[in-house]
Amino acid sequence: MKKLFCFVVVVAVVALIAGSCSKKEVQAVEISARLNRDSLNLGVLYVDQAYRHIGKDSVSLFEIDTIYKVYQKRVFLAFPYEGEGSVWLYFGDEFLNTEIEGPARTFALFTRVSYPSGLKCEWDEAKGTLVVSSQFTPNLVRMIIPGKSAYIDPASSRILHSLTSARQVDKAGGKSFITFIYHDEDPKLGQVTYKLRLKQLFRYVPQAGFQGYDSWYAMY
């Protein structure tokens, strides 16, 4: 069926949480100076793209660190409801979409058990956005370098609230993703900016698979 036991790859990983793309991929999705705190429910997110920028040069982290590709379709970020609190990890697998309209991708996530990500979210009232801080580095996925904080860029993020709204955006030719950005001072590379683009998954079957431990999600 569409199982998802991922007692797989547990390697030190990524520098995540900051969504983006290279210049040709960067699109101003929704011009806004601030996020709406009252409707800030990110849900479960998939890492779509991850880039490292140094000056005018950029490189995909998927190209320079193969572990990104390993965890991309197996590890998912579960953000707290209404934004603030700890971020957790789910394991899962993608399976062939035979049910959801359009070019949606479908995933089976083992939601009975979640794992700590080392990330904590807080609302920044002054900046009008959500800030995600790295408290420690788990063996499963390193989202952000410990001691660093990423923020959602409101001007290049579109937060949706249902699979229906995601489908409507897709039909209209739009793109829906959430862009996280953070900065680091690398002793060899100098000033580095990380930008990661994450996409929302929406649950359409709450219990499935072995003993109902899986949940099925779709993503546009």
N, C-alpha and C. Protein backbone atom coordinates (compact mmCIF):
# COMPACT_ATOMS: atom_id res chain seq x y z
N MET A 1 0.86 -1.17 0.00
CA MET A 1 0.00 0.00 0.00
C MET A 1 0.89 1.21 0.00
N LYS A 2 0.60 2.13 0.82
CA LYS A 2 1.47 3.28 0.87
C LYS A 2 1.98 3.37 2.28
N LYS A 3 2.98 2.61 2.59
CA LYS A 3 3.47 2.54 3.94
C LYS A 3 4.50 3.57 4.18
N LEU A 4 4.76 3.71 5.38
CA LEU A 4 5.79 4.67 5.54
C LEU A 4 6.62 4.41 6.75
N PHE A 5 7.28 3.34 6.83
CA PHE A 5 8.18 3.17 7.93
C PHE A 5 9.54 3.70 7.53
N CYS A 6 9.97 4.71 8.16
CA CYS A 6 11.20 5.35 7.77
C CYS A 6 12.21 5.21 8.89
N PHE A 7 12.57 3.99 9.21
CA PHE A 7 13.68 3.81 10.11
C PHE A 7 14.91 3.86 9.23
N VAL A 8 15.03 4.93 8.54
CA VAL A 8 16.02 5.09 7.52
C VAL A 8 16.93 6.22 7.96
N VAL A 9 17.78 6.56 7.12
CA VAL A 9 18.66 7.69 7.24
C VAL A 9 18.48 8.55 8.45
N VAL A 10 19.38 8.45 9.35
CA VAL A 10 19.40 9.35 10.48
C VAL A 10 20.78 9.95 10.48
N VAL A 11 20.92 10.99 9.75
CA VAL A 11 22.23 11.58 9.57
C VAL A 11 22.13 13.05 9.92
N ALA A 12 23.19 13.66 10.25
CA ALA A 12 23.16 15.10 10.51
C ALA A 12 22.89 15.79 9.22
N VAL A 13 22.03 16.79 9.23
CA VAL A 13 21.47 17.19 7.97
C VAL A 13 21.56 18.64 7.66
N VAL A 14 20.68 19.18 7.29
CA VAL A 14 20.38 20.35 6.57
C VAL A 14 20.57 21.65 7.29
N ALA A 15 20.57 22.69 6.61
CA ALA A 15 20.52 24.00 7.21
C ALA A 15 19.23 24.57 6.71
N LEU A 16 18.13 24.43 7.46
CA LEU A 16 16.83 24.68 6.86
C LEU A 16 16.11 25.82 7.49
N ILE A 17 15.02 26.07 7.00
CA ILE A 17 14.02 27.01 7.39
C ILE A 17 14.32 28.37 6.86
N ALA A 18 14.07 28.53 5.68
CA ALA A 18 14.23 29.81 5.06
C ALA A 18 13.92 29.62 3.62
N GLY A 19 12.74 29.82 3.16
CA GLY A 19 12.33 29.39 1.86
C GLY A 19 12.68 30.32 0.75
N SER A 20 13.11 29.70 -0.36
CA SER A 20 13.47 30.55 -1.47
C SER A 20 13.81 29.79 -2.69
N CYS A 21 14.52 30.46 -3.55
CA CYS A 21 14.85 29.94 -4.84
C CYS A 21 15.94 30.81 -5.40
N SER A 22 16.46 30.38 -6.55
CA SER A 22 17.44 31.21 -7.23
C SER A 22 16.71 32.36 -7.89
N LYS A 23 17.45 33.26 -8.53
CA LYS A 23 16.81 34.47 -9.05
C LYS A 23 15.68 34.16 -9.98
N LYS A 24 15.83 33.17 -10.83
CA LYS A 24 14.76 32.91 -11.77
C LYS A 24 13.57 32.26 -11.09
N GLU A 25 13.77 31.71 -9.87
CA GLU A 25 12.66 31.08 -9.19
C GLU A 25 11.97 32.03 -8.22
N VAL A 26 12.67 33.05 -7.82
CA VAL A 26 12.09 33.96 -6.84
C VAL A 26 10.96 34.75 -7.47
N GLN A 27 9.80 34.61 -6.87
CA GLN A 27 8.64 35.36 -7.35
C GLN A 27 7.97 36.02 -6.15
N ALA A 28 7.60 37.26 -6.29
CA ALA A 28 6.84 37.91 -5.22
C ALA A 28 5.43 37.34 -5.29
N VAL A 29 5.13 36.47 -4.37
CA VAL A 29 3.86 35.78 -4.43
C VAL A 29 2.73 36.65 -3.94
N GLU A 30 2.95 37.30 -2.85
CA GLU A 30 1.90 38.12 -2.29
C GLU A 30 2.58 39.26 -1.55
N ILE A 31 2.50 40.46 -2.08
CA ILE A 31 3.21 41.57 -1.48
C ILE A 31 2.51 42.01 -0.20
N SER A 32 3.21 41.84 0.90
CA SER A 32 2.65 42.19 2.20
C SER A 32 3.79 42.50 3.14
N ALA A 33 3.60 43.49 3.97
CA ALA A 33 4.66 43.86 4.90
C ALA A 33 4.63 43.01 6.16
N ARG A 34 3.46 42.45 6.47
CA ARG A 34 3.31 41.68 7.70
C ARG A 34 2.43 40.46 7.46
N LEU A 35 2.63 39.45 8.30
CA LEU A 35 1.74 38.29 8.29
C LEU A 35 0.55 38.56 9.18
N ASN A 36 -0.50 37.79 8.99
CA ASN A 36 -1.67 37.90 9.84
C ASN A 36 -1.52 36.90 10.99
N ARG A 37 -1.24 37.40 12.17
CA ARG A 37 -0.99 36.52 13.31
C ARG A 37 -2.21 35.68 13.66
N ASP A 38 -3.38 36.21 13.46
CA ASP A 38 -4.61 35.50 13.84
C ASP A 38 -4.91 34.29 12.97
N SER A 39 -4.29 34.22 11.81
CA SER A 39 -4.56 33.08 10.92
C SER A 39 -3.27 32.37 10.53
N LEU A 40 -2.31 32.37 11.44
CA LEU A 40 -0.99 31.83 11.15
C LEU A 40 -0.93 30.34 11.50
N ASN A 41 -1.59 29.53 10.70
CA ASN A 41 -1.56 28.09 10.90
C ASN A 41 -0.84 27.45 9.71
N LEU A 42 0.43 27.11 9.89
CA LEU A 42 1.24 26.59 8.79
C LEU A 42 0.99 25.11 8.55
N GLY A 43 0.68 24.36 9.58
CA GLY A 43 0.42 22.93 9.44
C GLY A 43 1.69 22.14 9.16
N VAL A 44 1.61 21.20 8.24
CA VAL A 44 2.74 20.33 7.90
C VAL A 44 3.40 20.85 6.62
N LEU A 45 4.72 20.96 6.64
CA LEU A 45 5.44 21.56 5.52
C LEU A 45 6.46 20.60 4.92
N TYR A 46 6.64 20.76 3.61
CA TYR A 46 7.58 19.98 2.80
C TYR A 46 8.66 20.93 2.29
N VAL A 47 9.93 20.52 2.36
CA VAL A 47 11.01 21.38 1.89
C VAL A 47 11.10 21.27 0.37
N ASP A 48 10.70 22.31 -0.31
CA ASP A 48 10.65 22.30 -1.77
C ASP A 48 11.98 22.72 -2.38
N GLN A 49 12.57 23.79 -1.86
CA GLN A 49 13.86 24.28 -2.37
C GLN A 49 14.67 24.83 -1.21
N ALA A 50 15.99 24.78 -1.34
CA ALA A 50 16.88 25.33 -0.32
C ALA A 50 18.12 25.88 -1.01
N TYR A 51 18.39 27.15 -0.77
CA TYR A 51 19.52 27.81 -1.45
C TYR A 51 20.43 28.52 -0.45
N ARG A 52 21.71 28.53 -0.79
CA ARG A 52 22.70 29.29 -0.05
C ARG A 52 23.17 30.42 -0.94
N HIS A 53 23.11 31.64 -0.43
CA HIS A 53 23.50 32.82 -1.20
C HIS A 53 24.73 33.46 -0.57
N ILE A 54 25.74 33.69 -1.41
CA ILE A 54 26.94 34.41 -0.98
C ILE A 54 27.17 35.52 -2.00
N GLY A 55 26.93 36.75 -1.58
CA GLY A 55 27.01 37.86 -2.53
C GLY A 55 25.98 37.67 -3.63
N LYS A 56 26.42 37.71 -4.89
CA LYS A 56 25.51 37.54 -6.02
C LYS A 56 25.41 36.07 -6.46
N ASP A 57 26.19 35.21 -5.83
CA ASP A 57 26.18 33.80 -6.20
C ASP A 57 25.23 33.00 -5.32
N SER A 58 24.56 32.03 -5.94
CA SER A 58 23.67 31.16 -5.18
C SER A 58 23.85 29.72 -5.64
N VAL A 59 23.64 28.79 -4.73
CA VAL A 59 23.75 27.38 -5.07
C VAL A 59 22.69 26.62 -4.30
N SER A 60 22.13 25.61 -4.95
CA SER A 60 21.11 24.78 -4.30
C SER A 60 21.78 23.84 -3.31
N LEU A 61 21.24 23.81 -2.10
CA LEU A 61 21.77 22.89 -1.10
C LEU A 61 21.53 21.45 -1.49
N PHE A 62 20.55 21.21 -2.34
CA PHE A 62 20.29 19.85 -2.81
C PHE A 62 21.43 19.36 -3.70
N GLU A 63 22.16 20.29 -4.31
CA GLU A 63 23.26 19.91 -5.19
C GLU A 63 24.57 19.71 -4.43
N ILE A 64 24.73 20.43 -3.33
CA ILE A 64 26.00 20.35 -2.61
C ILE A 64 25.94 19.44 -1.38
N ASP A 65 24.74 19.05 -0.99
CA ASP A 65 24.60 18.19 0.17
C ASP A 65 23.51 17.16 -0.12
N THR A 66 23.93 15.95 -0.46
CA THR A 66 22.97 14.92 -0.90
C THR A 66 21.98 14.53 0.18
N ILE A 67 22.29 14.81 1.43
CA ILE A 67 21.37 14.43 2.50
C ILE A 67 20.04 15.17 2.37
N TYR A 68 20.05 16.35 1.74
CA TYR A 68 18.82 17.09 1.51
C TYR A 68 17.85 16.23 0.69
N LYS A 69 18.35 15.60 -0.35
CA LYS A 69 17.50 14.78 -1.21
C LYS A 69 16.99 13.55 -0.46
N VAL A 70 17.81 13.05 0.46
CA VAL A 70 17.42 11.87 1.21
C VAL A 70 16.23 12.17 2.10
N TYR A 71 16.29 13.28 2.82
CA TYR A 71 15.23 13.56 3.78
C TYR A 71 14.05 14.32 3.17
N GLN A 72 14.23 14.88 1.97
CA GLN A 72 13.19 15.74 1.42
C GLN A 72 11.83 15.06 1.33
N LYS A 73 11.80 13.81 0.89
CA LYS A 73 10.53 13.11 0.73
C LYS A 73 10.21 12.19 1.89
N ARG A 74 10.98 12.30 2.98
CA ARG A 74 10.77 11.39 4.11
C ARG A 74 10.55 12.10 5.44
N VAL A 75 11.03 13.32 5.55
CA VAL A 75 10.91 14.05 6.81
C VAL A 75 10.11 15.33 6.58
N PHE A 76 9.09 15.55 7.43
CA PHE A 76 8.18 16.67 7.24
C PHE A 76 8.07 17.47 8.54
N LEU A 77 7.92 18.77 8.39
CA LEU A 77 7.88 19.66 9.55
C LEU A 77 6.44 19.92 9.98
N ALA A 78 6.15 19.65 11.24
CA ALA A 78 4.81 19.90 11.77
C ALA A 78 4.86 21.12 12.68
N PHE A 79 4.33 22.24 12.17
CA PHE A 79 4.37 23.49 12.91
C PHE A 79 3.21 23.58 13.90
N PRO A 80 3.41 24.28 15.00
CA PRO A 80 2.36 24.39 16.01
C PRO A 80 1.17 25.19 15.50
N TYR A 81 0.01 24.88 16.02
CA TYR A 81 -1.20 25.60 15.64
C TYR A 81 -1.08 27.05 16.09
N GLU A 82 -1.45 27.97 15.21
CA GLU A 82 -1.38 29.41 15.46
C GLU A 82 0.06 29.89 15.65
N GLY A 83 1.00 29.13 15.13
CA GLY A 83 2.35 29.67 15.01
C GLY A 83 3.34 29.46 16.12
N GLU A 84 2.98 29.69 17.38
CA GLU A 84 3.98 29.70 18.43
C GLU A 84 4.10 28.36 19.15
N GLY A 85 5.34 27.96 19.43
CA GLY A 85 5.58 26.69 20.11
C GLY A 85 6.66 25.89 19.41
N SER A 86 6.74 24.61 19.73
CA SER A 86 7.77 23.74 19.18
C SER A 86 7.37 23.16 17.83
N VAL A 87 8.36 22.97 16.97
CA VAL A 87 8.16 22.32 15.67
C VAL A 87 8.54 20.85 15.83
N TRP A 88 7.72 19.96 15.27
CA TRP A 88 7.98 18.53 15.36
C TRP A 88 8.21 17.95 13.98
N LEU A 89 8.72 16.72 13.94
CA LEU A 89 8.99 16.05 12.68
C LEU A 89 8.12 14.81 12.54
N TYR A 90 7.60 14.60 11.34
CA TYR A 90 6.92 13.36 10.98
C TYR A 90 7.75 12.66 9.91
N PHE A 91 7.67 11.34 9.90
CA PHE A 91 8.26 10.58 8.80
C PHE A 91 7.16 10.18 7.83
N GLY A 92 7.52 10.05 6.56
CA GLY A 92 6.52 9.68 5.57
C GLY A 92 7.13 9.26 4.25
N ASP A 93 6.26 8.92 3.31
CA ASP A 93 6.66 8.53 1.97
C ASP A 93 5.66 9.07 0.96
N GLU A 94 6.15 9.42 -0.21
CA GLU A 94 5.26 9.84 -1.29
C GLU A 94 4.71 8.60 -1.98
N PHE A 95 3.45 8.69 -2.45
CA PHE A 95 2.89 7.59 -3.23
C PHE A 95 2.12 8.17 -4.42
N LEU A 96 1.83 7.33 -5.37
CA LEU A 96 1.20 7.76 -6.61
C LEU A 96 -0.19 8.33 -6.34
N ASN A 97 -0.44 9.53 -6.84
CA ASN A 97 -1.74 10.16 -6.67
C ASN A 97 -2.75 9.59 -7.65
N THR A 98 -3.78 8.95 -7.13
CA THR A 98 -4.86 8.43 -7.97
C THR A 98 -6.21 9.01 -7.57
N GLU A 99 -6.21 9.98 -6.64
CA GLU A 99 -7.46 10.46 -6.09
C GLU A 99 -7.67 11.97 -6.14
N ILE A 100 -6.57 12.72 -6.04
CA ILE A 100 -6.69 14.17 -5.91
C ILE A 100 -6.59 14.84 -7.27
N GLU A 101 -7.49 15.76 -7.53
CA GLU A 101 -7.56 16.45 -8.82
C GLU A 101 -6.30 17.26 -9.10
N GLY A 102 -5.93 17.29 -10.38
CA GLY A 102 -4.83 18.15 -10.81
C GLY A 102 -3.46 17.55 -10.51
N PRO A 103 -2.42 18.38 -10.58
CA PRO A 103 -1.05 17.89 -10.42
C PRO A 103 -0.64 17.75 -8.96
N ALA A 104 -1.55 17.38 -8.10
CA ALA A 104 -1.23 17.25 -6.69
C ALA A 104 -0.31 16.05 -6.45
N ARG A 105 0.55 16.16 -5.45
CA ARG A 105 1.37 15.04 -5.01
C ARG A 105 0.82 14.55 -3.69
N THR A 106 0.88 13.25 -3.46
CA THR A 106 0.28 12.69 -2.25
C THR A 106 1.33 11.97 -1.41
N PHE A 107 1.17 12.04 -0.08
CA PHE A 107 2.13 11.50 0.86
C PHE A 107 1.39 10.78 1.99
N ALA A 108 2.00 9.71 2.47
CA ALA A 108 1.50 9.01 3.66
C ALA A 108 2.45 9.32 4.80
N LEU A 109 1.94 9.93 5.86
CA LEU A 109 2.77 10.32 7.00
C LEU A 109 2.40 9.49 8.22
N PHE A 110 3.41 9.00 8.91
CA PHE A 110 3.20 8.23 10.13
C PHE A 110 3.02 9.23 11.27
N THR A 111 1.79 9.64 11.52
CA THR A 111 1.51 10.73 12.45
C THR A 111 1.30 10.27 13.89
N ARG A 112 1.37 8.97 14.11
CA ARG A 112 1.18 8.48 15.48
C ARG A 112 2.37 8.88 16.36
N VAL A 113 3.54 9.03 15.74
CA VAL A 113 4.75 9.39 16.48
C VAL A 113 5.39 10.60 15.83
N SER A 114 5.78 11.58 16.63
CA SER A 114 6.50 12.75 16.13
C SER A 114 7.84 12.84 16.85
N TYR A 115 8.77 13.54 16.23
CA TYR A 115 10.12 13.65 16.77
C TYR A 115 10.50 15.11 16.93
N PRO A 116 11.31 15.44 17.93
CA PRO A 116 11.72 16.84 18.12
C PRO A 116 12.62 17.31 17.00
N SER A 117 12.44 18.54 16.59
CA SER A 117 13.25 19.12 15.51
C SER A 117 14.32 20.07 16.03
N GLY A 118 14.20 20.45 17.30
CA GLY A 118 15.12 21.44 17.84
C GLY A 118 14.73 22.87 17.52
N LEU A 119 13.53 23.04 16.92
CA LEU A 119 13.08 24.36 16.50
C LEU A 119 11.93 24.86 17.37
N LYS A 120 11.91 26.14 17.61
CA LYS A 120 10.84 26.76 18.37
C LYS A 120 10.40 28.05 17.68
N CYS A 121 9.08 28.25 17.58
CA CYS A 121 8.52 29.41 16.88
C CYS A 121 8.04 30.47 17.87
N GLU A 122 8.29 31.72 17.51
CA GLU A 122 7.78 32.85 18.29
C GLU A 122 7.35 33.96 17.33
N TRP A 123 6.32 34.66 17.71
CA TRP A 123 5.85 35.77 16.92
C TRP A 123 6.67 37.01 17.22
N ASP A 124 7.11 37.71 16.19
CA ASP A 124 7.85 38.96 16.34
C ASP A 124 6.91 40.10 15.97
N GLU A 125 6.40 40.77 16.96
CA GLU A 125 5.41 41.82 16.73
C GLU A 125 6.01 42.99 15.96
N ALA A 126 7.25 43.33 16.26
CA ALA A 126 7.87 44.48 15.59
C ALA A 126 8.01 44.24 14.09
N LYS A 127 8.40 43.01 13.71
CA LYS A 127 8.60 42.70 12.30
C LYS A 127 7.34 42.16 11.63
N GLY A 128 6.37 41.77 12.44
CA GLY A 128 5.13 41.24 11.87
C GLY A 128 5.32 39.92 11.17
N THR A 129 6.13 39.04 11.77
CA THR A 129 6.37 37.74 11.14
C THR A 129 6.69 36.70 12.21
N LEU A 130 6.79 35.47 11.77
CA LEU A 130 7.12 34.37 12.67
C LEU A 130 8.61 34.11 12.60
N VAL A 131 9.23 33.97 13.78
CA VAL A 131 10.66 33.70 13.87
C VAL A 131 10.85 32.30 14.43
N VAL A 132 11.72 31.53 13.78
CA VAL A 132 11.97 30.14 14.19
C VAL A 132 13.43 30.03 14.63
N SER A 133 13.63 29.67 15.89
CA SER A 133 14.98 29.59 16.45
C SER A 133 15.41 28.14 16.61
N SER A 134 16.71 27.89 16.38
CA SER A 134 17.27 26.56 16.53
C SER A 134 17.86 26.42 17.92
N GLN A 135 17.27 25.51 18.71
CA GLN A 135 17.73 25.31 20.08
C GLN A 135 18.79 24.22 20.18
N PHE A 136 18.71 23.22 19.32
CA PHE A 136 19.72 22.17 19.29
C PHE A 136 19.63 21.47 17.94
N THR A 137 20.60 20.63 17.66
CA THR A 137 20.63 19.92 16.38
C THR A 137 20.27 18.46 16.59
N PRO A 138 19.10 18.03 16.11
CA PRO A 138 18.75 16.61 16.24
C PRO A 138 19.52 15.78 15.22
N ASN A 139 19.60 14.46 15.45
CA ASN A 139 20.26 13.59 14.49
C ASN A 139 19.45 13.45 13.21
N LEU A 140 18.15 13.69 13.30
CA LEU A 140 17.28 13.45 12.16
C LEU A 140 17.43 14.52 11.09
N VAL A 141 17.22 15.76 11.45
CA VAL A 141 17.27 16.85 10.48
C VAL A 141 17.73 18.12 11.16
N ARG A 142 18.78 18.74 10.66
CA ARG A 142 19.20 20.03 11.20
C ARG A 142 18.52 21.11 10.39
N MET A 143 17.55 21.78 10.96
CA MET A 143 16.78 22.75 10.22
C MET A 143 17.51 24.07 10.06
N ILE A 144 18.07 24.54 11.15
CA ILE A 144 18.81 25.80 11.15
C ILE A 144 20.06 25.58 11.97
N ILE A 145 21.13 26.25 11.65
CA ILE A 145 22.35 26.15 12.45
C ILE A 145 22.02 26.54 13.88
N PRO A 146 22.41 25.75 14.87
CA PRO A 146 22.11 26.06 16.28
C PRO A 146 22.53 27.47 16.66
N GLY A 147 21.65 28.14 17.37
CA GLY A 147 21.92 29.51 17.79
C GLY A 147 21.45 30.55 16.80
N LYS A 148 20.98 30.12 15.63
CA LYS A 148 20.49 31.04 14.61
C LYS A 148 18.96 31.03 14.57
N SER A 149 18.40 32.10 14.00
CA SER A 149 16.95 32.22 13.88
C SER A 149 16.58 32.59 12.44
N ALA A 150 15.56 31.92 11.94
CA ALA A 150 15.04 32.21 10.60
C ALA A 150 13.70 32.93 10.76
N TYR A 151 13.31 33.63 9.73
CA TYR A 151 12.02 34.33 9.76
C TYR A 151 11.29 34.10 8.44
N ILE A 152 9.98 34.14 8.52
CA ILE A 152 9.18 34.05 7.29
C ILE A 152 9.19 35.41 6.61
N ASP A 153 9.50 35.43 5.34
CA ASP A 153 9.45 36.66 4.56
C ASP A 153 8.03 36.87 4.04
N PRO A 154 7.29 37.81 4.61
CA PRO A 154 5.88 37.99 4.21
C PRO A 154 5.72 38.31 2.72
N ALA A 155 6.69 39.02 2.14
CA ALA A 155 6.55 39.46 0.76
C ALA A 155 6.71 38.33 -0.25
N SER A 156 7.27 37.21 0.17
CA SER A 156 7.44 36.10 -0.77
C SER A 156 6.85 34.81 -0.20
N SER A 157 5.74 34.96 0.51
CA SER A 157 5.08 33.80 1.11
C SER A 157 3.57 33.91 0.93
N ARG A 158 2.96 32.78 0.69
CA ARG A 158 1.50 32.72 0.63
C ARG A 158 1.05 31.55 1.49
N ILE A 159 0.39 31.86 2.59
CA ILE A 159 -0.06 30.83 3.52
C ILE A 159 -1.51 30.51 3.24
N LEU A 160 -1.79 29.24 2.99
CA LEU A 160 -3.14 28.80 2.67
C LEU A 160 -3.72 28.01 3.85
N HIS A 161 -5.02 27.71 3.76
CA HIS A 161 -5.67 27.09 4.91
C HIS A 161 -6.48 25.86 4.57
N SER A 162 -6.42 25.42 3.32
CA SER A 162 -7.16 24.21 2.95
C SER A 162 -6.65 23.68 1.62
N LEU A 163 -6.92 22.41 1.37
CA LEU A 163 -6.57 21.80 0.10
C LEU A 163 -7.35 22.44 -1.04
N THR A 164 -8.58 22.84 -0.75
CA THR A 164 -9.41 23.50 -1.76
C THR A 164 -8.79 24.82 -2.22
N SER A 165 -8.33 25.61 -1.26
CA SER A 165 -7.71 26.90 -1.62
C SER A 165 -6.41 26.68 -2.38
N ALA A 166 -5.65 25.64 -2.02
CA ALA A 166 -4.42 25.32 -2.75
C ALA A 166 -4.73 24.92 -4.18
N ARG A 167 -5.79 24.16 -4.36
CA ARG A 167 -6.21 23.74 -5.71
C ARG A 167 -6.63 24.96 -6.54
N GLN A 168 -7.33 25.89 -5.92
CA GLN A 168 -7.79 27.09 -6.63
C GLN A 168 -6.61 27.95 -7.07
N VAL A 169 -5.63 28.09 -6.20
CA VAL A 169 -4.43 28.85 -6.55
C VAL A 169 -3.71 28.19 -7.71
N ASP A 170 -3.61 26.87 -7.67
CA ASP A 170 -2.94 26.14 -8.74
C ASP A 170 -3.68 26.29 -10.07
N LYS A 171 -5.01 26.20 -10.04
CA LYS A 171 -5.80 26.33 -11.25
C LYS A 171 -5.66 27.71 -11.86
N ALA A 172 -5.46 28.70 -11.00
CA ALA A 172 -5.31 30.08 -11.47
C ALA A 172 -3.89 30.36 -11.96
N GLY A 173 -3.03 29.36 -11.88
CA GLY A 173 -1.65 29.54 -12.34
C GLY A 173 -0.74 30.14 -11.30
N GLY A 174 -1.22 30.23 -10.05
CA GLY A 174 -0.41 30.82 -8.99
C GLY A 174 0.47 29.79 -8.29
N LYS A 175 1.37 30.27 -7.47
CA LYS A 175 2.25 29.42 -6.68
C LYS A 175 2.04 29.72 -5.20
N SER A 176 1.99 28.67 -4.41
CA SER A 176 1.82 28.87 -2.97
C SER A 176 2.96 28.19 -2.23
N PHE A 177 3.75 29.00 -1.54
CA PHE A 177 4.84 28.46 -0.74
C PHE A 177 5.18 29.47 0.35
N ILE A 178 6.00 29.02 1.29
CA ILE A 178 6.39 29.86 2.43
C ILE A 178 7.91 29.97 2.43
N THR A 179 8.39 31.19 2.45
CA THR A 179 9.82 31.45 2.34
C THR A 179 10.43 31.79 3.70
N PHE A 180 11.43 31.00 4.09
CA PHE A 180 12.17 31.25 5.33
C PHE A 180 13.57 31.74 4.97
N ILE A 181 14.07 32.68 5.76
CA ILE A 181 15.40 33.26 5.51
C ILE A 181 16.18 33.33 6.83
N TYR A 182 17.47 33.01 6.74
CA TYR A 182 18.33 33.30 7.89
C TYR A 182 19.75 33.54 7.42
N HIS A 183 20.53 34.17 8.27
CA HIS A 183 21.88 34.60 7.92
C HIS A 183 22.91 33.94 8.84
N ASP A 184 24.11 33.79 8.31
CA ASP A 184 25.19 33.20 9.10
C ASP A 184 26.51 33.82 8.67
N GLU A 185 27.45 33.86 9.58
CA GLU A 185 28.79 34.33 9.28
C GLU A 185 29.71 33.11 9.28
N ASP A 186 30.05 32.62 8.09
CA ASP A 186 30.87 31.43 7.96
C ASP A 186 32.35 31.82 7.98
N PRO A 187 33.19 31.13 8.77
CA PRO A 187 34.61 31.49 8.85
C PRO A 187 35.34 31.38 7.51
N LYS A 188 34.85 30.53 6.61
CA LYS A 188 35.50 30.37 5.31
C LYS A 188 34.78 31.12 4.20
N LEU A 189 33.45 31.13 4.28
CA LEU A 189 32.66 31.71 3.19
C LEU A 189 32.28 33.17 3.42
N GLY A 190 32.37 33.61 4.67
CA GLY A 190 31.95 34.98 4.97
C GLY A 190 30.45 35.06 5.25
N GLN A 191 29.84 36.17 4.88
CA GLN A 191 28.40 36.38 5.12
C GLN A 191 27.58 35.49 4.19
N VAL A 192 26.76 34.64 4.79
CA VAL A 192 25.95 33.69 4.03
C VAL A 192 24.48 33.90 4.36
N THR A 193 23.64 33.85 3.33
CA THR A 193 22.19 33.92 3.53
C THR A 193 21.58 32.61 3.04
N TYR A 194 20.77 32.00 3.89
CA TYR A 194 20.06 30.78 3.52
C TYR A 194 18.60 31.12 3.27
N LYS A 195 18.10 30.62 2.16
CA LYS A 195 16.69 30.83 1.82
C LYS A 195 16.08 29.48 1.47
N LEU A 196 15.02 29.15 2.16
CA LEU A 196 14.37 27.88 1.90
C LEU A 196 12.90 28.09 1.61
N ARG A 197 12.43 27.35 0.64
CA ARG A 197 11.02 27.44 0.25
C ARG A 197 10.31 26.16 0.67
N LEU A 198 9.29 26.34 1.47
CA LEU A 198 8.52 25.21 1.97
C LEU A 198 7.10 25.26 1.44
N LYS A 199 6.51 24.10 1.23
CA LYS A 199 5.14 24.03 0.73
C LYS A 199 4.26 23.30 1.74
N GLN A 200 3.01 23.73 1.81
CA GLN A 200 2.09 23.15 2.76
C GLN A 200 1.46 21.85 2.26
N LEU A 201 1.31 20.90 3.17
CA LEU A 201 0.58 19.67 2.90
C LEU A 201 -0.75 19.75 3.63
N PHE A 202 -1.79 19.21 3.00
CA PHE A 202 -3.13 19.22 3.61
C PHE A 202 -3.65 17.79 3.73
N ARG A 203 -4.10 17.45 4.92
CA ARG A 203 -4.57 16.08 5.17
C ARG A 203 -5.94 15.86 4.55
N TYR A 204 -6.09 14.75 3.83
CA TYR A 204 -7.39 14.42 3.26
C TYR A 204 -7.92 13.07 3.72
N VAL A 205 -7.07 12.23 4.32
CA VAL A 205 -7.50 10.99 4.98
C VAL A 205 -6.82 10.96 6.35
N PRO A 206 -7.57 11.14 7.44
CA PRO A 206 -6.96 11.23 8.76
C PRO A 206 -6.37 9.93 9.28
N GLN A 207 -6.95 8.79 8.91
CA GLN A 207 -6.44 7.50 9.37
C GLN A 207 -6.42 6.51 8.22
N ALA A 208 -5.26 5.92 7.98
CA ALA A 208 -5.12 4.97 6.88
C ALA A 208 -3.96 4.04 7.18
N GLY A 209 -3.72 3.10 6.29
CA GLY A 209 -2.57 2.23 6.44
C GLY A 209 -2.69 1.26 7.59
N PHE A 210 -1.57 0.76 8.05
CA PHE A 210 -1.51 -0.25 9.11
C PHE A 210 -2.12 0.27 10.40
N GLN A 211 -3.22 -0.32 10.82
CA GLN A 211 -3.91 0.04 12.06
C GLN A 211 -4.28 1.51 12.13
N GLY A 212 -4.39 2.15 10.98
CA GLY A 212 -4.79 3.55 10.96
C GLY A 212 -3.76 4.51 11.49
N TYR A 213 -2.49 4.09 11.50
CA TYR A 213 -1.44 4.95 12.05
C TYR A 213 -0.97 6.01 11.05
N ASP A 214 -1.29 5.83 9.78
CA ASP A 214 -0.89 6.79 8.76
C ASP A 214 -1.97 7.85 8.55
N SER A 215 -1.54 8.98 8.05
CA SER A 215 -2.47 10.00 7.54
C SER A 215 -2.03 10.34 6.14
N TRP A 216 -2.99 10.58 5.25
CA TRP A 216 -2.66 10.89 3.86
C TRP A 216 -2.81 12.38 3.61
N TYR A 217 -1.80 12.94 2.98
CA TYR A 217 -1.73 14.37 2.72
C TYR A 217 -1.55 14.61 1.22
N ALA A 218 -2.02 15.78 0.77
CA ALA A 218 -1.82 16.20 -0.62
C ALA A 218 -1.14 17.56 -0.64
N MET A 219 -0.41 17.81 -1.73
CA MET A 219 0.34 19.07 -1.86
C MET A 219 0.31 19.51 -3.31
N TYR A 220 0.02 20.79 -3.53
CA TYR A 220 0.08 21.36 -4.88
C TYR A 220 1.35 22.17 -5.05
